[in-house]
């Protein structure tokens, strides 16, 4: 007899998918019979978690379009005995799948995305407002409403095998007392990207302050820019495009600190249980996408009380709306400002 499972549907974006981890980790072992249906490149986040497996949805191939969704539904029904479907994405694809599961007699629950709350938060800007719940809290509430007990736990959430842990030993500085700092200077949208020049300035300030080894993270397409950022420094390693997904996660988990934008690397670092420094431009952590956990998370952004156009976007889409000083929210943040915040908070 097939074991009954709960399906969790969450296809993208990377940051939102990795934010599932605290909710999943908080499910008691007895109830944790979960199948996370997601894109293949995100499956590595959930490896080695007891009671959790993944099912890859191939939306560029066999699961593309309406007929592909029907095929996905049939494959899931054929492989698992499904007692509940948790739609933690709430987009057209998951709604169609939800209808198919509902018609077959399977209960479907959907999390409350809070679109109107987030839009109101952005629209009111400098007015005193109630901060929308964090995305992780929304996931937890949805599972609790479905009768699945979830308690709050703390990172780290990634679970590595001994072999995976050994795979990053070559990057470690041995017995030297050296700070291991990850840096991820890029984001998907211009409204969230501080700029390579600013990151280069920050690297110089940190390098002069303490013994450090920098690890530069990003996508394969960003490797050339990261090599330029490294600038031939013997203590800078360009990681982008060189490691498997699991090895990269294992390396992040060994860092002392991640410096990033409002991007997926911020959430990967927080889920790995390390300190973070994040620079925010047009977006705002108050929309529910700030770093999760009680580690030392320093969030740097111009106060909306001092810059009335910020925040201007929930996810970062769209360009700068200013006609006078473009991307003022990012340009007004200097490397020295970020460095001073790090020193003041004893994160270096």
C-alpha atoms as a PDB file:
ATOM      1  CA  UNK A   1       0.000   0.000   0.000  1.00  0.00           C
ATOM      2  CA  UNK A   2       1.291   3.473  -0.901  1.00  0.00           C
ATOM      3  CA  UNK A   3       1.953   5.786   2.043  1.00  0.00           C
ATOM      4  CA  UNK A   4      -0.330   8.808   2.226  1.00  0.00           C
ATOM      5  CA  UNK A   5       1.448  12.075   1.554  1.00  0.00           C
ATOM      6  CA  UNK A   6       0.815  15.800   1.420  1.00  0.00           C
ATOM      7  CA  UNK A   7       1.767  17.466  -1.847  1.00  0.00           C
ATOM      8  CA  UNK A   8       3.291  20.930  -1.617  1.00  0.00           C
ATOM      9  CA  UNK A   9       3.140  22.943  -4.829  1.00  0.00           C
ATOM     10  CA  UNK A  10       5.714  25.724  -5.201  1.00  0.00           C
ATOM     11  CA  UNK A  11       7.387  26.198  -8.562  1.00  0.00           C
ATOM     12  CA  UNK A  12       9.253  29.540  -8.367  1.00  0.00           C
ATOM     13  CA  UNK A  13      10.968  31.906  -7.697  1.00  0.00           C
ATOM     14  CA  UNK A  14      14.132  30.521  -6.111  1.00  0.00           C
ATOM     15  CA  UNK A  15      13.903  32.701  -3.011  1.00  0.00           C
ATOM     16  CA  UNK A  16      10.259  31.781  -2.426  1.00  0.00           C
ATOM     17  CA  UNK A  17      11.010  28.080  -2.840  1.00  0.00           C
ATOM     18  CA  UNK A  18      13.895  28.106  -0.367  1.00  0.00           C
ATOM     19  CA  UNK A  19      11.643  29.914   2.121  1.00  0.00           C
ATOM     20  CA  UNK A  20       9.604  26.715   2.321  1.00  0.00           C
ATOM     21  CA  UNK A  21      12.371  25.161   4.412  1.00  0.00           C
ATOM     22  CA  UNK A  22      11.438  26.627   7.826  1.00  0.00           C
ATOM     23  CA  UNK A  23       7.820  25.540   7.378  1.00  0.00           C
ATOM     24  CA  UNK A  24       8.832  22.030   6.344  1.00  0.00           C
ATOM     25  CA  UNK A  25      11.408  21.757   9.135  1.00  0.00           C
ATOM     26  CA  UNK A  26       8.734  22.775  11.626  1.00  0.00           C
ATOM     27  CA  UNK A  27       6.408  19.900  10.702  1.00  0.00           C
ATOM     28  CA  UNK A  28       6.656  17.104  13.265  1.00  0.00           C
ATOM     29  CA  UNK A  29       8.432  13.979  12.020  1.00  0.00           C
ATOM     30  CA  UNK A  30       5.293  11.888  12.428  1.00  0.00           C
ATOM     31  CA  UNK A  31       3.356  14.178  10.082  1.00  0.00           C
ATOM     32  CA  UNK A  32       6.243  14.916   7.749  1.00  0.00           C
ATOM     33  CA  UNK A  33       5.276  12.797   4.779  1.00  0.00           C
ATOM     34  CA  UNK A  34       5.667  15.535   2.238  1.00  0.00           C
ATOM     35  CA  UNK A  35       6.297  15.693  -1.489  1.00  0.00           C
ATOM     36  CA  UNK A  36       7.495  19.081  -2.732  1.00  0.00           C
ATOM     37  CA  UNK A  37       6.536  19.558  -6.365  1.00  0.00           C
ATOM     38  CA  UNK A  38       8.936  22.127  -7.807  1.00  0.00           C
ATOM     39  CA  UNK A  39      11.330  22.819 -10.662  1.00  0.00           C
ATOM     40  CA  UNK A  40      14.285  20.434 -11.021  1.00  0.00           C
ATOM     41  CA  UNK A  41      16.922  23.044 -10.138  1.00  0.00           C
ATOM     42  CA  UNK A  42      15.331  23.615  -6.723  1.00  0.00           C
ATOM     43  CA  UNK A  43      15.207  19.978  -5.650  1.00  0.00           C
ATOM     44  CA  UNK A  44      18.652  20.222  -4.027  1.00  0.00           C
ATOM     45  CA  UNK A  45      17.247  22.418  -1.245  1.00  0.00           C
ATOM     46  CA  UNK A  46      15.262  19.524   0.192  1.00  0.00           C
ATOM     47  CA  UNK A  47      17.737  16.656  -0.005  1.00  0.00           C
ATOM     48  CA  UNK A  48      18.332  14.493   3.088  1.00  0.00           C
ATOM     49  CA  UNK A  49      15.346  15.894   5.028  1.00  0.00           C
ATOM     50  CA  UNK A  50      13.563  13.042   6.795  1.00  0.00           C
ATOM     51  CA  UNK A  51      10.074  12.417   5.472  1.00  0.00           C
ATOM     52  CA  UNK A  52      10.472  14.772   2.493  1.00  0.00           C
ATOM     53  CA  UNK A  53      10.981  14.020  -1.177  1.00  0.00           C
ATOM     54  CA  UNK A  54      10.698  16.103  -4.319  1.00  0.00           C
ATOM     55  CA  UNK A  55       8.944  15.647  -7.628  1.00  0.00           C
ATOM     56  CA  UNK A  56      10.311  17.624 -10.576  1.00  0.00           C
ATOM     57  CA  UNK A  57       7.849  19.572 -12.700  1.00  0.00           C
ATOM     58  CA  UNK A  58       9.231  20.026 -16.223  1.00  0.00           C
ATOM     59  CA  UNK A  59       7.373  23.054 -17.571  1.00  0.00           C
ATOM     60  CA  UNK A  60       9.701  23.352 -20.535  1.00  0.00           C
ATOM     61  CA  UNK A  61       9.003  19.777 -21.632  1.00  0.00           C
ATOM     62  CA  UNK A  62       6.572  17.059 -20.610  1.00  0.00           C
ATOM     63  CA  UNK A  63       4.534  19.296 -18.275  1.00  0.00           C
ATOM     64  CA  UNK A  64       4.281  22.297 -20.587  1.00  0.00           C
ATOM     65  CA  UNK A  65       0.863  23.829 -21.259  1.00  0.00           C
ATOM     66  CA  UNK A  66      -2.578  22.586 -20.268  1.00  0.00           C
ATOM     67  CA  UNK A  67      -2.015  19.036 -21.479  1.00  0.00           C
ATOM     68  CA  UNK A  68       1.292  18.991 -19.635  1.00  0.00           C
ATOM     69  CA  UNK A  69      -0.449  19.975 -16.403  1.00  0.00           C
ATOM     70  CA  UNK A  70      -2.948  17.161 -16.905  1.00  0.00           C
ATOM     71  CA  UNK A  71       0.000  14.792 -17.401  1.00  0.00           C
ATOM     72  CA  UNK A  72       1.610  16.120 -14.209  1.00  0.00           C
ATOM     73  CA  UNK A  73      -1.642  15.567 -12.310  1.00  0.00           C
ATOM     74  CA  UNK A  74      -1.901  11.989 -13.577  1.00  0.00           C
ATOM     75  CA  UNK A  75       1.729  11.214 -12.755  1.00  0.00           C
ATOM     76  CA  UNK A  76       1.305  12.485  -9.202  1.00  0.00           C
ATOM     77  CA  UNK A  77      -1.940  10.542  -8.726  1.00  0.00           C
ATOM     78  CA  UNK A  78      -0.299   7.412 -10.075  1.00  0.00           C
ATOM     79  CA  UNK A  79       2.785   7.603  -7.866  1.00  0.00           C
ATOM     80  CA  UNK A  80       1.348   8.749  -4.521  1.00  0.00           C
ATOM     81  CA  UNK A  81      -1.611   8.222  -2.263  1.00  0.00           C
ATOM     82  CA  UNK A  82      -2.428  11.899  -1.749  1.00  0.00           C
ATOM     83  CA  UNK A  83      -4.390  12.988   1.294  1.00  0.00           C
ATOM     84  CA  UNK A  84      -3.917  16.746   0.862  1.00  0.00           C
ATOM     85  CA  UNK A  85      -2.589  19.247  -1.664  1.00  0.00           C
ATOM     86  CA  UNK A  86      -1.083  22.473  -0.289  1.00  0.00           C
ATOM     87  CA  UNK A  87      -0.911  25.149  -2.974  1.00  0.00           C
ATOM     88  CA  UNK A  88       1.793  27.446  -1.609  1.00  0.00           C
ATOM     89  CA  UNK A  89       2.226  29.304  -4.890  1.00  0.00           C
ATOM     90  CA  UNK A  90      -1.256  30.461  -5.916  1.00  0.00           C
ATOM     91  CA  UNK A  91      -0.716  31.041  -9.632  1.00  0.00           C
ATOM     92  CA  UNK A  92      -2.639  29.855 -12.692  1.00  0.00           C
ATOM     93  CA  UNK A  93      -0.721  26.550 -12.946  1.00  0.00           C
ATOM     94  CA  UNK A  94      -1.349  25.608  -9.331  1.00  0.00           C
ATOM     95  CA  UNK A  95      -4.979  26.699  -9.532  1.00  0.00           C
ATOM     96  CA  UNK A  96      -5.556  24.396 -12.513  1.00  0.00           C
ATOM     97  CA  UNK A  97      -3.884  21.538 -10.667  1.00  0.00           C
ATOM     98  CA  UNK A  98      -5.986  22.367  -7.619  1.00  0.00           C
ATOM     99  CA  UNK A  99      -9.180  22.051  -9.638  1.00  0.00           C
ATOM    100  CA  UNK A 100      -8.068  18.675 -11.005  1.00  0.00           C
ATOM    101  CA  UNK A 101      -7.251  17.354  -7.530  1.00  0.00           C
ATOM    102  CA  UNK A 102     -10.484  18.734  -6.078  1.00  0.00           C
ATOM    103  CA  UNK A 103     -12.554  17.049  -8.796  1.00  0.00           C
ATOM    104  CA  UNK A 104     -10.872  13.769  -7.912  1.00  0.00           C
ATOM    105  CA  UNK A 105     -11.927  14.137  -4.274  1.00  0.00           C
ATOM    106  CA  UNK A 106      -8.648  15.346  -2.777  1.00  0.00           C
ATOM    107  CA  UNK A 107      -8.680  18.286  -0.404  1.00  0.00           C
ATOM    108  CA  UNK A 108      -6.780  21.358  -1.618  1.00  0.00           C
ATOM    109  CA  UNK A 109      -5.723  24.294   0.549  1.00  0.00           C
ATOM    110  CA  UNK A 110      -4.161  27.522  -0.687  1.00  0.00           C
ATOM    111  CA  UNK A 111      -1.994  29.955   1.231  1.00  0.00           C
ATOM    112  CA  UNK A 112      -2.947  33.589   1.507  1.00  0.00           C
ATOM    113  CA  UNK A 113      -0.463  35.458  -0.613  1.00  0.00           C
ATOM    114  CA  UNK A 114      -1.473  38.878   0.696  1.00  0.00           C
ATOM    115  CA  UNK A 115      -1.276  40.681  -2.629  1.00  0.00           C
ATOM    116  CA  UNK A 116      -3.476  43.560  -1.480  1.00  0.00           C
ATOM    117  CA  UNK A 117      -1.558  43.979   1.806  1.00  0.00           C
ATOM    118  CA  UNK A 118       1.756  44.185  -0.035  1.00  0.00           C
ATOM    119  CA  UNK A 119       0.417  46.655  -2.596  1.00  0.00           C
ATOM    120  CA  UNK A 120      -0.952  48.829   0.211  1.00  0.00           C
ATOM    121  CA  UNK A 121       2.401  48.693   1.999  1.00  0.00           C
ATOM    122  CA  UNK A 122       4.142  49.922  -1.161  1.00  0.00           C
ATOM    123  CA  UNK A 123       1.490  52.531  -1.955  1.00  0.00           C
ATOM    124  CA  UNK A 124       1.483  54.185   1.478  1.00  0.00           C
ATOM    125  CA  UNK A 125       5.273  54.279   1.740  1.00  0.00           C
ATOM    126  CA  UNK A 126       6.190  56.706   4.523  1.00  0.00           C
ATOM    127  CA  UNK A 127       2.852  56.501   6.348  1.00  0.00           C
ATOM    128  CA  UNK A 128       2.903  54.429   9.545  1.00  0.00           C
ATOM    129  CA  UNK A 129       1.628  51.030   8.567  1.00  0.00           C
ATOM    130  CA  UNK A 130       1.196  47.447   9.685  1.00  0.00           C
ATOM    131  CA  UNK A 131       3.938  45.252   8.281  1.00  0.00           C
ATOM    132  CA  UNK A 132       2.583  42.291   6.273  1.00  0.00           C
ATOM    133  CA  UNK A 133       3.444  38.805   7.598  1.00  0.00           C
ATOM    134  CA  UNK A 134       6.673  37.178   6.462  1.00  0.00           C
ATOM    135  CA  UNK A 135       6.311  34.676   3.606  1.00  0.00           C
ATOM    136  CA  UNK A 136       7.487  31.876   5.907  1.00  0.00           C
ATOM    137  CA  UNK A 137       4.724  32.759   8.366  1.00  0.00           C
ATOM    138  CA  UNK A 138       2.180  32.610   5.541  1.00  0.00           C
ATOM    139  CA  UNK A 139       3.387  29.116   4.625  1.00  0.00           C
ATOM    140  CA  UNK A 140       3.165  28.007   8.252  1.00  0.00           C
ATOM    141  CA  UNK A 141      -0.315  29.415   8.696  1.00  0.00           C
ATOM    142  CA  UNK A 142      -1.545  27.614   5.581  1.00  0.00           C
ATOM    143  CA  UNK A 143      -0.239  24.272   6.836  1.00  0.00           C
ATOM    144  CA  UNK A 144      -1.669  24.868  10.303  1.00  0.00           C
ATOM    145  CA  UNK A 145      -5.079  25.641   8.792  1.00  0.00           C
ATOM    146  CA  UNK A 146      -4.848  22.332   6.984  1.00  0.00           C
ATOM    147  CA  UNK A 147      -4.379  20.544  10.295  1.00  0.00           C
ATOM    148  CA  UNK A 148      -0.627  19.973   9.903  1.00  0.00           C
ATOM    149  CA  UNK A 149       1.175  20.963  13.065  1.00  0.00           C
ATOM    150  CA  UNK A 150       4.054  23.375  12.442  1.00  0.00           C
ATOM    151  CA  UNK A 151       6.334  24.834  15.084  1.00  0.00           C
ATOM    152  CA  UNK A 152       8.970  27.516  14.626  1.00  0.00           C
ATOM    153  CA  UNK A 153      12.517  26.223  14.375  1.00  0.00           C
ATOM    154  CA  UNK A 154      15.823  27.979  13.741  1.00  0.00           C
ATOM    155  CA  UNK A 155      18.327  27.530  10.871  1.00  0.00           C
ATOM    156  CA  UNK A 156      20.349  25.791   9.584  1.00  0.00           C
ATOM    157  CA  UNK A 157      17.871  23.803   7.489  1.00  0.00           C
ATOM    158  CA  UNK A 158      20.154  22.275   4.851  1.00  0.00           C
ATOM    159  CA  UNK A 159      21.263  18.748   5.734  1.00  0.00           C
ATOM    160  CA  UNK A 160      24.534  17.531   4.233  1.00  0.00           C
ATOM    161  CA  UNK A 161      26.120  14.124   4.008  1.00  0.00           C
ATOM    162  CA  UNK A 162      29.710  13.611   5.198  1.00  0.00           C
ATOM    163  CA  UNK A 163      30.801  13.427   1.577  1.00  0.00           C
ATOM    164  CA  UNK A 164      29.141  16.777   0.801  1.00  0.00           C
ATOM    165  CA  UNK A 165      30.820  18.348   3.822  1.00  0.00           C
ATOM    166  CA  UNK A 166      34.216  17.093   2.673  1.00  0.00           C
ATOM    167  CA  UNK A 167      33.658  18.432  -0.837  1.00  0.00           C
ATOM    168  CA  UNK A 168      34.327  22.025   0.290  1.00  0.00           C
ATOM    169  CA  UNK A 169      37.382  21.399   2.455  1.00  0.00           C
ATOM    170  CA  UNK A 170      39.711  22.572  -0.322  1.00  0.00           C
ATOM    171  CA  UNK A 171      38.253  26.075   0.039  1.00  0.00           C
ATOM    172  CA  UNK A 172      38.929  26.319   3.767  1.00  0.00           C
ATOM    173  CA  UNK A 173      41.934  28.398   4.895  1.00  0.00           C
ATOM    174  CA  UNK A 174      43.283  25.779   7.284  1.00  0.00           C
ATOM    175  CA  UNK A 175      44.425  26.907  10.698  1.00  0.00           C
ATOM    176  CA  UNK A 176      44.586  30.598   9.782  1.00  0.00           C
ATOM    177  CA  UNK A 177      42.182  32.946  11.546  1.00  0.00           C
ATOM    178  CA  UNK A 178      40.543  34.267   8.407  1.00  0.00           C
ATOM    179  CA  UNK A 179      37.021  35.601   7.973  1.00  0.00           C
ATOM    180  CA  UNK A 180      35.139  33.719   5.242  1.00  0.00           C
ATOM    181  CA  UNK A 181      32.862  36.217   3.504  1.00  0.00           C
ATOM    182  CA  UNK A 182      30.491  35.355   0.681  1.00  0.00           C
ATOM    183  CA  UNK A 183      29.455  38.168  -1.648  1.00  0.00           C
ATOM    184  CA  UNK A 184      26.617  38.129  -4.182  1.00  0.00           C
ATOM    185  CA  UNK A 185      26.482  41.541  -5.899  1.00  0.00           C
ATOM    186  CA  UNK A 186      23.787  40.792  -8.462  1.00  0.00           C
ATOM    187  CA  UNK A 187      20.008  40.588  -8.437  1.00  0.00           C
ATOM    188  CA  UNK A 188      17.435  39.879 -11.102  1.00  0.00           C
ATOM    189  CA  UNK A 189      16.235  43.497 -11.335  1.00  0.00           C
ATOM    190  CA  UNK A 190      18.066  46.822 -11.595  1.00  0.00           C
ATOM    191  CA  UNK A 191      15.942  48.209  -8.738  1.00  0.00           C
ATOM    192  CA  UNK A 192      17.693  45.706  -6.440  1.00  0.00           C
ATOM    193  CA  UNK A 193      21.288  45.888  -7.733  1.00  0.00           C
ATOM    194  CA  UNK A 194      23.741  48.091  -5.843  1.00  0.00           C
ATOM    195  CA  UNK A 195      26.492  47.778  -8.461  1.00  0.00           C
ATOM    196  CA  UNK A 196      29.893  46.142  -8.899  1.00  0.00           C
ATOM    197  CA  UNK A 197      31.697  49.426  -8.257  1.00  0.00           C
ATOM    198  CA  UNK A 198      30.134  49.737  -4.816  1.00  0.00           C
ATOM    199  CA  UNK A 199      30.911  46.117  -4.004  1.00  0.00           C
ATOM    200  CA  UNK A 200      34.525  46.679  -5.084  1.00  0.00           C
ATOM    201  CA  UNK A 201      34.747  49.638  -2.723  1.00  0.00           C
ATOM    202  CA  UNK A 202      33.313  47.552   0.114  1.00  0.00           C
ATOM    203  CA  UNK A 203      35.787  44.748  -0.577  1.00  0.00           C
ATOM    204  CA  UNK A 204      38.699  47.216  -0.291  1.00  0.00           C
ATOM    205  CA  UNK A 205      37.430  48.533   3.047  1.00  0.00           C
ATOM    206  CA  UNK A 206      36.935  45.040   4.504  1.00  0.00           C
ATOM    207  CA  UNK A 207      40.271  43.802   3.157  1.00  0.00           C
ATOM    208  CA  UNK A 208      42.082  46.638   4.923  1.00  0.00           C
ATOM    209  CA  UNK A 209      40.221  45.966   8.173  1.00  0.00           C
ATOM    210  CA  UNK A 210      40.696  42.233   8.766  1.00  0.00           C
ATOM    211  CA  UNK A 211      42.154  39.023   7.388  1.00  0.00           C
ATOM    212  CA  UNK A 212      39.532  37.785   4.965  1.00  0.00           C
ATOM    213  CA  UNK A 213      38.870  35.445   2.100  1.00  0.00           C
ATOM    214  CA  UNK A 214      36.109  36.510  -0.304  1.00  0.00           C
ATOM    215  CA  UNK A 215      33.891  34.053  -2.172  1.00  0.00           C
ATOM    216  CA  UNK A 216      31.971  35.589  -5.075  1.00  0.00           C
ATOM    217  CA  UNK A 217      28.639  33.935  -5.854  1.00  0.00           C
ATOM    218  CA  UNK A 218      26.298  34.336  -8.798  1.00  0.00           C
ATOM    219  CA  UNK A 219      25.039  32.667 -11.937  1.00  0.00           C
ATOM    220  CA  UNK A 220      27.319  31.279 -14.677  1.00  0.00           C
ATOM    221  CA  UNK A 221      26.439  34.283 -16.850  1.00  0.00           C
ATOM    222  CA  UNK A 222      27.870  36.590 -14.163  1.00  0.00           C
ATOM    223  CA  UNK A 223      31.235  34.842 -13.899  1.00  0.00           C
ATOM    224  CA  UNK A 224      33.133  37.347 -16.086  1.00  0.00           C
ATOM    225  CA  UNK A 225      31.849  40.318 -14.089  1.00  0.00           C
ATOM    226  CA  UNK A 226      32.747  38.561 -10.843  1.00  0.00           C
ATOM    227  CA  UNK A 227      36.271  37.882 -12.107  1.00  0.00           C
ATOM    228  CA  UNK A 228      36.623  41.598 -12.797  1.00  0.00           C
ATOM    229  CA  UNK A 229      35.336  42.300  -9.283  1.00  0.00           C
ATOM    230  CA  UNK A 230      37.934  39.928  -7.830  1.00  0.00           C
ATOM    231  CA  UNK A 231      40.533  42.074  -9.563  1.00  0.00           C
ATOM    232  CA  UNK A 232      43.289  39.511  -9.304  1.00  0.00           C
ATOM    233  CA  UNK A 233      43.160  39.442  -5.496  1.00  0.00           C
ATOM    234  CA  UNK A 234      44.774  36.301  -4.129  1.00  0.00           C
ATOM    235  CA  UNK A 235      42.134  36.184  -1.374  1.00  0.00           C
ATOM    236  CA  UNK A 236      39.117  36.295  -3.725  1.00  0.00           C
ATOM    237  CA  UNK A 237      37.576  33.130  -5.176  1.00  0.00           C
ATOM    238  CA  UNK A 238      34.981  33.264  -7.958  1.00  0.00           C
ATOM    239  CA  UNK A 239      32.516  30.483  -7.180  1.00  0.00           C
ATOM    240  CA  UNK A 240      29.891  31.227  -9.845  1.00  0.00           C
ATOM    241  CA  UNK A 241      29.461  28.472 -12.400  1.00  0.00           C
ATOM    242  CA  UNK A 242      32.061  26.135 -10.901  1.00  0.00           C
ATOM    243  CA  UNK A 243      30.234  23.956  -8.345  1.00  0.00           C
ATOM    244  CA  UNK A 244      27.217  21.669  -8.198  1.00  0.00           C
ATOM    245  CA  UNK A 245      24.146  23.035  -6.444  1.00  0.00           C
ATOM    246  CA  UNK A 246      24.691  20.932  -3.318  1.00  0.00           C
ATOM    247  CA  UNK A 247      28.408  21.780  -3.097  1.00  0.00           C
ATOM    248  CA  UNK A 248      27.609  25.473  -3.420  1.00  0.00           C
ATOM    249  CA  UNK A 249      25.092  25.186  -0.588  1.00  0.00           C
ATOM    250  CA  UNK A 250      27.644  23.317   1.520  1.00  0.00           C
ATOM    251  CA  UNK A 251      30.180  26.078   0.887  1.00  0.00           C
ATOM    252  CA  UNK A 252      27.702  28.819   1.840  1.00  0.00           C
ATOM    253  CA  UNK A 253      27.025  26.965   5.094  1.00  0.00           C
ATOM    254  CA  UNK A 254      30.737  27.261   5.991  1.00  0.00           C
ATOM    255  CA  UNK A 255      30.849  31.030   5.518  1.00  0.00           C
ATOM    256  CA  UNK A 256      30.965  33.499   8.401  1.00  0.00           C
ATOM    257  CA  UNK A 257      28.891  36.025   6.514  1.00  0.00           C
ATOM    258  CA  UNK A 258      26.979  36.675   3.279  1.00  0.00           C
ATOM    259  CA  UNK A 259      26.824  40.177   1.765  1.00  0.00           C
ATOM    260  CA  UNK A 260      24.131  40.391  -0.904  1.00  0.00           C
ATOM    261  CA  UNK A 261      21.268  42.259  -2.438  1.00  0.00           C
ATOM    262  CA  UNK A 262      17.592  41.436  -1.941  1.00  0.00           C
ATOM    263  CA  UNK A 263      18.137  38.171  -3.817  1.00  0.00           C
ATOM    264  CA  UNK A 264      17.951  34.405  -3.517  1.00  0.00           C
ATOM    265  CA  UNK A 265      21.527  34.312  -2.156  1.00  0.00           C
ATOM    266  CA  UNK A 266      20.327  36.239   0.887  1.00  0.00           C
ATOM    267  CA  UNK A 267      17.745  33.548   1.620  1.00  0.00           C
ATOM    268  CA  UNK A 268      20.139  30.689   0.924  1.00  0.00           C
ATOM    269  CA  UNK A 269      22.549  32.165   3.477  1.00  0.00           C
ATOM    270  CA  UNK A 270      19.823  32.707   6.068  1.00  0.00           C
ATOM    271  CA  UNK A 271      18.574  29.135   5.590  1.00  0.00           C
ATOM    272  CA  UNK A 272      22.171  27.924   6.041  1.00  0.00           C
ATOM    273  CA  UNK A 273      22.250  29.684   9.406  1.00  0.00           C
ATOM    274  CA  UNK A 274      24.919  32.311   8.764  1.00  0.00           C
ATOM    275  CA  UNK A 275      24.952  36.074   9.354  1.00  0.00           C
ATOM    276  CA  UNK A 276      23.922  38.340   6.485  1.00  0.00           C
ATOM    277  CA  UNK A 277      24.260  41.919   5.315  1.00  0.00           C
ATOM    278  CA  UNK A 278      21.794  42.902   2.611  1.00  0.00           C
ATOM    279  CA  UNK A 279      21.479  46.110   0.591  1.00  0.00           C
ATOM    280  CA  UNK A 280      17.930  47.123  -0.411  1.00  0.00           C
ATOM    281  CA  UNK A 281      16.919  49.610  -3.082  1.00  0.00           C
ATOM    282  CA  UNK A 282      13.446  49.825  -4.581  1.00  0.00           C
ATOM    283  CA  UNK A 283      12.148  46.846  -2.599  1.00  0.00           C
ATOM    284  CA  UNK A 284      11.562  46.608   1.162  1.00  0.00           C
ATOM    285  CA  UNK A 285      11.969  43.701   3.551  1.00  0.00           C
ATOM    286  CA  UNK A 286       8.645  44.626   5.150  1.00  0.00           C
ATOM    287  CA  UNK A 287       6.691  43.048   2.287  1.00  0.00           C
ATOM    288  CA  UNK A 288       7.539  39.637   3.749  1.00  0.00           C
ATOM    289  CA  UNK A 289      10.844  38.806   2.059  1.00  0.00           C
ATOM    290  CA  UNK A 290      13.431  39.737   4.657  1.00  0.00           C
ATOM    291  CA  UNK A 291      16.040  37.253   5.904  1.00  0.00           C
ATOM    292  CA  UNK A 292      14.543  34.577   8.169  1.00  0.00           C
ATOM    293  CA  UNK A 293      15.899  33.488  11.531  1.00  0.00           C
ATOM    294  CA  UNK A 294      17.487  35.065  14.585  1.00  0.00           C
ATOM    295  CA  UNK A 295      21.054  35.298  13.303  1.00  0.00           C
ATOM    296  CA  UNK A 296      22.661  38.737  12.928  1.00  0.00           C
ATOM    297  CA  UNK A 297      20.869  40.024   9.815  1.00  0.00           C
ATOM    298  CA  UNK A 298      21.783  43.610   8.946  1.00  0.00           C
ATOM    299  CA  UNK A 299      19.381  45.226   6.487  1.00  0.00           C
ATOM    300  CA  UNK A 300      20.619  48.399   4.824  1.00  0.00           C
ATOM    301  CA  UNK A 301      18.321  50.708   2.897  1.00  0.00           C
ATOM    302  CA  UNK A 302      17.400  54.390   2.804  1.00  0.00           C
ATOM    303  CA  UNK A 303      14.610  55.027   5.302  1.00  0.00           C
ATOM    304  CA  UNK A 304      11.302  55.687   3.480  1.00  0.00           C
ATOM    305  CA  UNK A 305      10.879  58.675   5.810  1.00  0.00           C
ATOM    306  CA  UNK A 306      13.943  60.179   4.095  1.00  0.00           C
ATOM    307  CA  UNK A 307      13.118  59.059   0.556  1.00  0.00           C
ATOM    308  CA  UNK A 308       9.403  59.179  -0.180  1.00  0.00           C
ATOM    309  CA  UNK A 309       9.623  57.182  -3.422  1.00  0.00           C
ATOM    310  CA  UNK A 310      10.927  54.111  -1.571  1.00  0.00           C
ATOM    311  CA  UNK A 311       9.755  51.390  -1.689  1.00  0.00           C
ATOM    312  CA  UNK A 312       8.366  51.471  -5.211  1.00  0.00           C
ATOM    313  CA  UNK A 313       8.060  47.765  -6.047  1.00  0.00           C
ATOM    314  CA  UNK A 314       7.239  44.512  -4.287  1.00  0.00           C
ATOM    315  CA  UNK A 315       9.450  42.122  -6.233  1.00  0.00           C
ATOM    316  CA  UNK A 316      11.803  44.506  -8.029  1.00  0.00           C
ATOM    317  CA  UNK A 317      10.104  44.582 -11.430  1.00  0.00           C
ATOM    318  CA  UNK A 318       9.867  47.856 -13.319  1.00  0.00           C
ATOM    319  CA  UNK A 319      12.462  50.568 -13.569  1.00  0.00           C
ATOM    320  CA  UNK A 320      13.180  53.645 -11.505  1.00  0.00           C
ATOM    321  CA  UNK A 321      10.289  56.101 -11.598  1.00  0.00           C
ATOM    322  CA  UNK A 322      12.364  59.154 -10.783  1.00  0.00           C
ATOM    323  CA  UNK A 323      13.210  61.626 -13.536  1.00  0.00           C
ATOM    324  CA  UNK A 324      15.753  63.632 -11.531  1.00  0.00           C
ATOM    325  CA  UNK A 325      18.048  61.242  -9.664  1.00  0.00           C
ATOM    326  CA  UNK A 326      17.785  57.741 -11.088  1.00  0.00           C
ATOM    327  CA  UNK A 327      18.057  54.890  -8.559  1.00  0.00           C
ATOM    328  CA  UNK A 328      18.606  57.357  -5.741  1.00  0.00           C
ATOM    329  CA  UNK A 329      17.620  54.640  -3.255  1.00  0.00           C
ATOM    330  CA  UNK A 330      20.748  52.685  -4.250  1.00  0.00           C
ATOM    331  CA  UNK A 331      23.111  55.507  -5.179  1.00  0.00           C
ATOM    332  CA  UNK A 332      22.693  57.130  -1.752  1.00  0.00           C
ATOM    333  CA  UNK A 333      24.150  54.008  -0.100  1.00  0.00           C
ATOM    334  CA  UNK A 334      27.937  54.230  -0.058  1.00  0.00           C
ATOM    335  CA  UNK A 335      30.440  51.435   0.610  1.00  0.00           C
ATOM    336  CA  UNK A 336      31.570  53.361   3.702  1.00  0.00           C
ATOM    337  CA  UNK A 337      27.992  53.419   5.009  1.00  0.00           C
ATOM    338  CA  UNK A 338      27.695  49.646   4.676  1.00  0.00           C
ATOM    339  CA  UNK A 339      31.145  49.063   6.171  1.00  0.00           C
ATOM    340  CA  UNK A 340      30.392  51.272   9.179  1.00  0.00           C
ATOM    341  CA  UNK A 341      27.149  49.415   9.862  1.00  0.00           C
ATOM    342  CA  UNK A 342      29.047  46.133   9.784  1.00  0.00           C
ATOM    343  CA  UNK A 343      31.691  47.386  12.211  1.00  0.00           C
ATOM    344  CA  UNK A 344      29.123  48.987  14.525  1.00  0.00           C
ATOM    345  CA  UNK A 345      27.214  45.684  14.672  1.00  0.00           C
ATOM    346  CA  UNK A 346      30.388  43.659  15.306  1.00  0.00           C
ATOM    347  CA  UNK A 347      29.705  41.462  12.300  1.00  0.00           C
ATOM    348  CA  UNK A 348      33.295  41.691  11.013  1.00  0.00           C
END
